[in-house]
Amino acid sequence: MTLDSIGSRRGAVLAERLRGWTVLEAGCGNGIGSAVLDRCAARLTATDKLPVNVAFASQIYPWLDLRVWDATEPWPGDRYQAVVAVEVLEHVADPVGLLRNLFEAAVAEVWFSTPNGLGKPRPPDNPYHVAEYTPVVAREIPPRLPTTAFGLASEIHARMPAICSEPAEDTEPAAV
């Protein structure tokens, strides 16, 4: 899934799913996906570990709540109903640690995606990626993480059922 494409059906589905929720986004990059989420979220805080990304996004989307945060470190603020990390896992050496931090910041759900790479041990083609994950490899990343996780495999549109569970249709966002 990529929210960088405003017309992305998957991005629209995620934004609609999180309508009315408080949302923390890790790895907002240039902020274009954050602008999509902001239209539906009750409150969105978009973060990136690179100050240059936050500065750029702030110029383009001045109404967004943008902050510098390295998601490999614990979130220092309040918890959010949902946490979103779109194509962030492949940039870190410790994806399990990153996911634990995301779950610590979430009250209800964590959504993440990763590009459909060929998986370890093949070195990634992108020099900024530590690793690239197939759905099969991605299932092995988060041992014993909460079942509120949703993993969306980027290019093949597949759910990762080994680590994901879908809440009942009538699930309401938890109060924060």
C-alpha atoms as a PDB file:
ATOM      1  CA  MET A   1       0.000   0.000   0.000  1.00  0.00           C
ATOM      2  CA  THR A   2       1.224   3.451  -0.680  1.00  0.00           C
ATOM      3  CA  LEU A   3      -0.494   6.589   0.443  1.00  0.00           C
ATOM      4  CA  ASP A   4       1.845   8.587  -1.794  1.00  0.00           C
ATOM      5  CA  SER A   5      -0.636   7.997  -4.585  1.00  0.00           C
ATOM      6  CA  ILE A   6      -3.658  10.135  -3.736  1.00  0.00           C
ATOM      7  CA  GLY A   7      -5.756   8.040  -6.102  1.00  0.00           C
ATOM      8  CA  SER A   8      -4.624   4.829  -4.439  1.00  0.00           C
ATOM      9  CA  ARG A   9      -7.642   2.660  -3.695  1.00  0.00           C
ATOM     10  CA  ARG A  10      -5.784   1.018  -0.827  1.00  0.00           C
ATOM     11  CA  GLY A  11      -4.850   4.392   0.654  1.00  0.00           C
ATOM     12  CA  ALA A  12      -8.474   5.476   0.433  1.00  0.00           C
ATOM     13  CA  VAL A  13      -9.629   2.242   2.104  1.00  0.00           C
ATOM     14  CA  LEU A  14      -7.202   2.755   4.975  1.00  0.00           C
ATOM     15  CA  ALA A  15      -8.161   6.412   5.390  1.00  0.00           C
ATOM     16  CA  GLU A  16     -11.848   5.436   5.457  1.00  0.00           C
ATOM     17  CA  ARG A  17     -11.180   2.639   7.981  1.00  0.00           C
ATOM     18  CA  LEU A  18      -9.567   5.186  10.297  1.00  0.00           C
ATOM     19  CA  ARG A  19     -12.311   7.816   9.884  1.00  0.00           C
ATOM     20  CA  GLY A  20     -12.895   9.563  13.183  1.00  0.00           C
ATOM     21  CA  TRP A  21      -9.912   7.914  14.902  1.00  0.00           C
ATOM     22  CA  THR A  22      -6.829   9.487  16.423  1.00  0.00           C
ATOM     23  CA  VAL A  23      -3.910   8.407  14.221  1.00  0.00           C
ATOM     24  CA  LEU A  24      -0.138   8.500  14.632  1.00  0.00           C
ATOM     25  CA  GLU A  25       1.808   8.057  11.396  1.00  0.00           C
ATOM     26  CA  ALA A  26       5.429   6.906  11.537  1.00  0.00           C
ATOM     27  CA  GLY A  27       7.584   7.708   8.522  1.00  0.00           C
ATOM     28  CA  CYS A  28       5.473  10.364   6.800  1.00  0.00           C
ATOM     29  CA  GLY A  29       8.167  11.301   4.280  1.00  0.00           C
ATOM     30  CA  ASN A  30       6.960  14.156   2.077  1.00  0.00           C
ATOM     31  CA  GLY A  31       3.547  14.252   3.805  1.00  0.00           C
ATOM     32  CA  ILE A  32       1.309  13.494   0.838  1.00  0.00           C
ATOM     33  CA  GLY A  33      -0.079  10.349   2.487  1.00  0.00           C
ATOM     34  CA  SER A  34      -0.510  12.285   5.707  1.00  0.00           C
ATOM     35  CA  ALA A  35      -2.732  14.767   3.891  1.00  0.00           C
ATOM     36  CA  VAL A  36      -4.946  11.858   2.787  1.00  0.00           C
ATOM     37  CA  LEU A  37      -5.168  10.452   6.323  1.00  0.00           C
ATOM     38  CA  ASP A  38      -5.793  13.899   7.784  1.00  0.00           C
ATOM     39  CA  ARG A  39      -9.008  14.239   5.779  1.00  0.00           C
ATOM     40  CA  CYS A  40     -10.564  11.338   7.679  1.00  0.00           C
ATOM     41  CA  ALA A  41      -8.813  11.141  11.049  1.00  0.00           C
ATOM     42  CA  ALA A  42     -10.242  12.957  14.052  1.00  0.00           C
ATOM     43  CA  ARG A  43      -6.638  13.898  14.830  1.00  0.00           C
ATOM     44  CA  LEU A  44      -3.463  12.995  12.948  1.00  0.00           C
ATOM     45  CA  THR A  45       0.102  13.373  14.107  1.00  0.00           C
ATOM     46  CA  ALA A  46       2.509  12.630  11.252  1.00  0.00           C
ATOM     47  CA  THR A  47       6.145  11.941  12.081  1.00  0.00           C
ATOM     48  CA  ASP A  48       9.412  11.251  10.339  1.00  0.00           C
ATOM     49  CA  LYS A  49      12.878  10.670  11.732  1.00  0.00           C
ATOM     50  CA  LEU A  50      14.439  13.088   9.243  1.00  0.00           C
ATOM     51  CA  PRO A  51      14.008  16.778  10.138  1.00  0.00           C
ATOM     52  CA  VAL A  52      14.397  17.665   6.441  1.00  0.00           C
ATOM     53  CA  ASN A  53      11.303  15.559   5.602  1.00  0.00           C
ATOM     54  CA  VAL A  54       9.277  17.198   8.364  1.00  0.00           C
ATOM     55  CA  ALA A  55      10.408  20.662   7.213  1.00  0.00           C
ATOM     56  CA  PHE A  56       9.489  19.898   3.597  1.00  0.00           C
ATOM     57  CA  ALA A  57       6.091  18.445   4.498  1.00  0.00           C
ATOM     58  CA  SER A  58       5.426  21.458   6.754  1.00  0.00           C
ATOM     59  CA  GLN A  59       5.925  23.806   3.810  1.00  0.00           C
ATOM     60  CA  ILE A  60       3.552  21.866   1.556  1.00  0.00           C
ATOM     61  CA  TYR A  61       0.955  20.947   4.221  1.00  0.00           C
ATOM     62  CA  PRO A  62       1.192  23.665   6.898  1.00  0.00           C
ATOM     63  CA  TRP A  63      -2.043  22.559   8.627  1.00  0.00           C
ATOM     64  CA  LEU A  64      -0.654  19.110   9.500  1.00  0.00           C
ATOM     65  CA  ASP A  65       0.671  18.266  12.972  1.00  0.00           C
ATOM     66  CA  LEU A  66       4.174  17.189  11.878  1.00  0.00           C
ATOM     67  CA  ARG A  67       6.901  16.134  14.294  1.00  0.00           C
ATOM     68  CA  VAL A  68      10.366  14.632  14.221  1.00  0.00           C
ATOM     69  CA  TRP A  69      10.352  11.119  15.722  1.00  0.00           C
ATOM     70  CA  ASP A  70      12.542   8.102  15.068  1.00  0.00           C
ATOM     71  CA  ALA A  71      10.130   5.165  15.407  1.00  0.00           C
ATOM     72  CA  THR A  72      13.003   2.908  16.456  1.00  0.00           C
ATOM     73  CA  GLU A  73      12.709   4.791  19.770  1.00  0.00           C
ATOM     74  CA  PRO A  74       9.629   4.661  22.049  1.00  0.00           C
ATOM     75  CA  TRP A  75       6.915   7.223  21.277  1.00  0.00           C
ATOM     76  CA  PRO A  76       7.196   9.960  23.940  1.00  0.00           C
ATOM     77  CA  GLY A  77       3.597  11.183  23.779  1.00  0.00           C
ATOM     78  CA  ASP A  78       0.020  10.081  24.296  1.00  0.00           C
ATOM     79  CA  ARG A  79      -1.309   6.890  22.773  1.00  0.00           C
ATOM     80  CA  TYR A  80      -3.394   6.940  19.595  1.00  0.00           C
ATOM     81  CA  GLN A  81      -6.279   4.738  18.525  1.00  0.00           C
ATOM     82  CA  ALA A  82      -4.334   3.690  15.429  1.00  0.00           C
ATOM     83  CA  VAL A  83      -0.718   3.830  14.331  1.00  0.00           C
ATOM     84  CA  VAL A  84       0.231   3.682  10.652  1.00  0.00           C
ATOM     85  CA  ALA A  85       3.661   2.912   9.175  1.00  0.00           C
ATOM     86  CA  VAL A  86       3.621   2.874   5.388  1.00  0.00           C
ATOM     87  CA  GLU A  87       6.784   1.404   3.891  1.00  0.00           C
ATOM     88  CA  VAL A  88       8.972   1.977   6.952  1.00  0.00           C
ATOM     89  CA  LEU A  89       9.939  -1.555   8.093  1.00  0.00           C
ATOM     90  CA  GLU A  90      12.356  -2.082   5.237  1.00  0.00           C
ATOM     91  CA  HIS A  91      14.409   0.921   6.375  1.00  0.00           C
ATOM     92  CA  VAL A  92      15.297  -0.379   9.848  1.00  0.00           C
ATOM     93  CA  ALA A  93      17.681  -3.040  11.107  1.00  0.00           C
ATOM     94  CA  ASP A  94      15.297  -4.102  13.900  1.00  0.00           C
ATOM     95  CA  PRO A  95      11.761  -4.331  12.475  1.00  0.00           C
ATOM     96  CA  VAL A  96      10.500  -6.190  15.565  1.00  0.00           C
ATOM     97  CA  GLY A  97      11.681  -3.373  17.819  1.00  0.00           C
ATOM     98  CA  LEU A  98      10.060  -0.810  15.562  1.00  0.00           C
ATOM     99  CA  LEU A  99       6.767  -2.725  15.570  1.00  0.00           C
ATOM    100  CA  ARG A 100       6.864  -3.008  19.358  1.00  0.00           C
ATOM    101  CA  ASN A 101       7.209   0.771  19.581  1.00  0.00           C
ATOM    102  CA  LEU A 102       4.254   1.204  17.229  1.00  0.00           C
ATOM    103  CA  PHE A 103       2.118  -1.154  19.326  1.00  0.00           C
ATOM    104  CA  GLU A 104       3.118   0.674  22.502  1.00  0.00           C
ATOM    105  CA  ALA A 105       1.800   3.901  20.943  1.00  0.00           C
ATOM    106  CA  ALA A 106      -1.481   2.298  19.789  1.00  0.00           C
ATOM    107  CA  VAL A 107      -4.668   1.790  21.750  1.00  0.00           C
ATOM    108  CA  ALA A 108      -6.475  -0.302  19.123  1.00  0.00           C
ATOM    109  CA  GLU A 109      -4.762  -1.007  15.789  1.00  0.00           C
ATOM    110  CA  VAL A 110      -1.460  -0.857  13.969  1.00  0.00           C
ATOM    111  CA  TRP A 111      -1.394  -0.782  10.176  1.00  0.00           C
ATOM    112  CA  PHE A 112       1.830  -1.249   8.258  1.00  0.00           C
ATOM    113  CA  SER A 113       2.908  -2.007   4.746  1.00  0.00           C
ATOM    114  CA  THR A 114       6.135  -2.941   3.057  1.00  0.00           C
ATOM    115  CA  PRO A 115       7.106  -2.986  -0.601  1.00  0.00           C
ATOM    116  CA  ASN A 116       6.913  -6.406  -2.169  1.00  0.00           C
ATOM    117  CA  GLY A 117      10.633  -7.136  -2.297  1.00  0.00           C
ATOM    118  CA  LEU A 118      12.102 -10.550  -2.889  1.00  0.00           C
ATOM    119  CA  GLY A 119      12.890 -11.003   0.789  1.00  0.00           C
ATOM    120  CA  LYS A 120      15.987 -11.907   2.759  1.00  0.00           C
ATOM    121  CA  PRO A 121      18.727 -12.907   2.255  1.00  0.00           C
ATOM    122  CA  ARG A 122      18.830 -11.135  -1.116  1.00  0.00           C
ATOM    123  CA  PRO A 123      20.200  -7.612  -0.693  1.00  0.00           C
ATOM    124  CA  PRO A 124      17.587  -5.013  -1.570  1.00  0.00           C
ATOM    125  CA  ASP A 125      17.854  -3.109  -4.837  1.00  0.00           C
ATOM    126  CA  ASN A 126      17.053   0.129  -3.045  1.00  0.00           C
ATOM    127  CA  PRO A 127      20.154   1.402  -1.192  1.00  0.00           C
ATOM    128  CA  TYR A 128      17.932   2.892   1.540  1.00  0.00           C
ATOM    129  CA  HIS A 129      16.383  -0.492   2.385  1.00  0.00           C
ATOM    130  CA  VAL A 130      17.993  -2.691   5.010  1.00  0.00           C
ATOM    131  CA  ALA A 131      15.816  -5.583   3.816  1.00  0.00           C
ATOM    132  CA  GLU A 132      12.823  -6.224   1.603  1.00  0.00           C
ATOM    133  CA  TYR A 133      10.061  -8.546   2.703  1.00  0.00           C
ATOM    134  CA  THR A 134       7.725 -10.862   0.896  1.00  0.00           C
ATOM    135  CA  PRO A 135       4.456 -11.651   2.705  1.00  0.00           C
ATOM    136  CA  VAL A 136       5.957 -14.989   3.791  1.00  0.00           C
ATOM    137  CA  VAL A 137       9.055 -13.347   5.258  1.00  0.00           C
ATOM    138  CA  ALA A 138       7.008 -10.513   6.773  1.00  0.00           C
ATOM    139  CA  ARG A 139       4.902 -13.069   8.672  1.00  0.00           C
ATOM    140  CA  GLU A 140       8.063 -14.163  10.492  1.00  0.00           C
ATOM    141  CA  ILE A 141       9.013 -10.647  11.659  1.00  0.00           C
ATOM    142  CA  PRO A 142       6.730  -9.931  14.605  1.00  0.00           C
ATOM    143  CA  PRO A 143       6.673 -12.831  17.069  1.00  0.00           C
ATOM    144  CA  ARG A 144       3.856 -12.575  19.607  1.00  0.00           C
ATOM    145  CA  LEU A 145       2.664  -9.121  18.615  1.00  0.00           C
ATOM    146  CA  PRO A 146      -0.911  -8.095  19.491  1.00  0.00           C
ATOM    147  CA  THR A 147      -3.557  -9.474  17.173  1.00  0.00           C
ATOM    148  CA  THR A 148      -4.875  -6.010  16.359  1.00  0.00           C
ATOM    149  CA  ALA A 149      -2.110  -5.751  13.749  1.00  0.00           C
ATOM    150  CA  PHE A 150      -2.919  -5.506  10.112  1.00  0.00           C
ATOM    151  CA  GLY A 151      -0.180  -6.099   7.578  1.00  0.00           C
ATOM    152  CA  LEU A 152      -0.818  -5.091   4.022  1.00  0.00           C
ATOM    153  CA  ALA A 153       1.582  -6.520   1.481  1.00  0.00           C
ATOM    154  CA  SER A 154       2.289  -3.656  -0.823  1.00  0.00           C
ATOM    155  CA  GLU A 155       2.307  -4.793  -4.399  1.00  0.00           C
ATOM    156  CA  ILE A 156       0.308  -8.004  -4.243  1.00  0.00           C
ATOM    157  CA  HIS A 157      -2.600  -6.714  -2.143  1.00  0.00           C
ATOM    158  CA  ALA A 158      -2.490  -9.751   0.165  1.00  0.00           C
ATOM    159  CA  ARG A 159      -3.380  -9.947   3.835  1.00  0.00           C
ATOM    160  CA  MET A 160      -0.832 -11.632   6.072  1.00  0.00           C
ATOM    161  CA  PRO A 161      -3.074 -13.896   8.180  1.00  0.00           C
ATOM    162  CA  ALA A 162      -0.301 -15.431  10.253  1.00  0.00           C
ATOM    163  CA  ILE A 163       0.137 -12.152  12.125  1.00  0.00           C
ATOM    164  CA  CYS A 164      -3.116 -10.401  11.403  1.00  0.00           C
ATOM    165  CA  SER A 165      -6.675 -10.635  12.522  1.00  0.00           C
ATOM    166  CA  GLU A 166      -9.606  -8.639  11.295  1.00  0.00           C
ATOM    167  CA  PRO A 167     -11.884  -7.075  13.925  1.00  0.00           C
ATOM    168  CA  ALA A 168     -15.595  -7.527  13.800  1.00  0.00           C
ATOM    169  CA  GLU A 169     -17.391  -5.200  11.413  1.00  0.00           C
ATOM    170  CA  ASP A 170     -18.984  -3.323  14.306  1.00  0.00           C
ATOM    171  CA  THR A 171     -15.669  -2.536  16.011  1.00  0.00           C
ATOM    172  CA  GLU A 172     -15.619   1.052  17.204  1.00  0.00           C
ATOM    173  CA  PRO A 173     -12.433   2.976  17.901  1.00  0.00           C
ATOM    174  CA  ALA A 174     -11.385   2.844  21.532  1.00  0.00           C
ATOM    175  CA  ALA A 175     -11.649   6.040  23.529  1.00  0.00           C
ATOM    176  CA  VAL A 176      -8.397   7.760  24.366  1.00  0.00           C
END
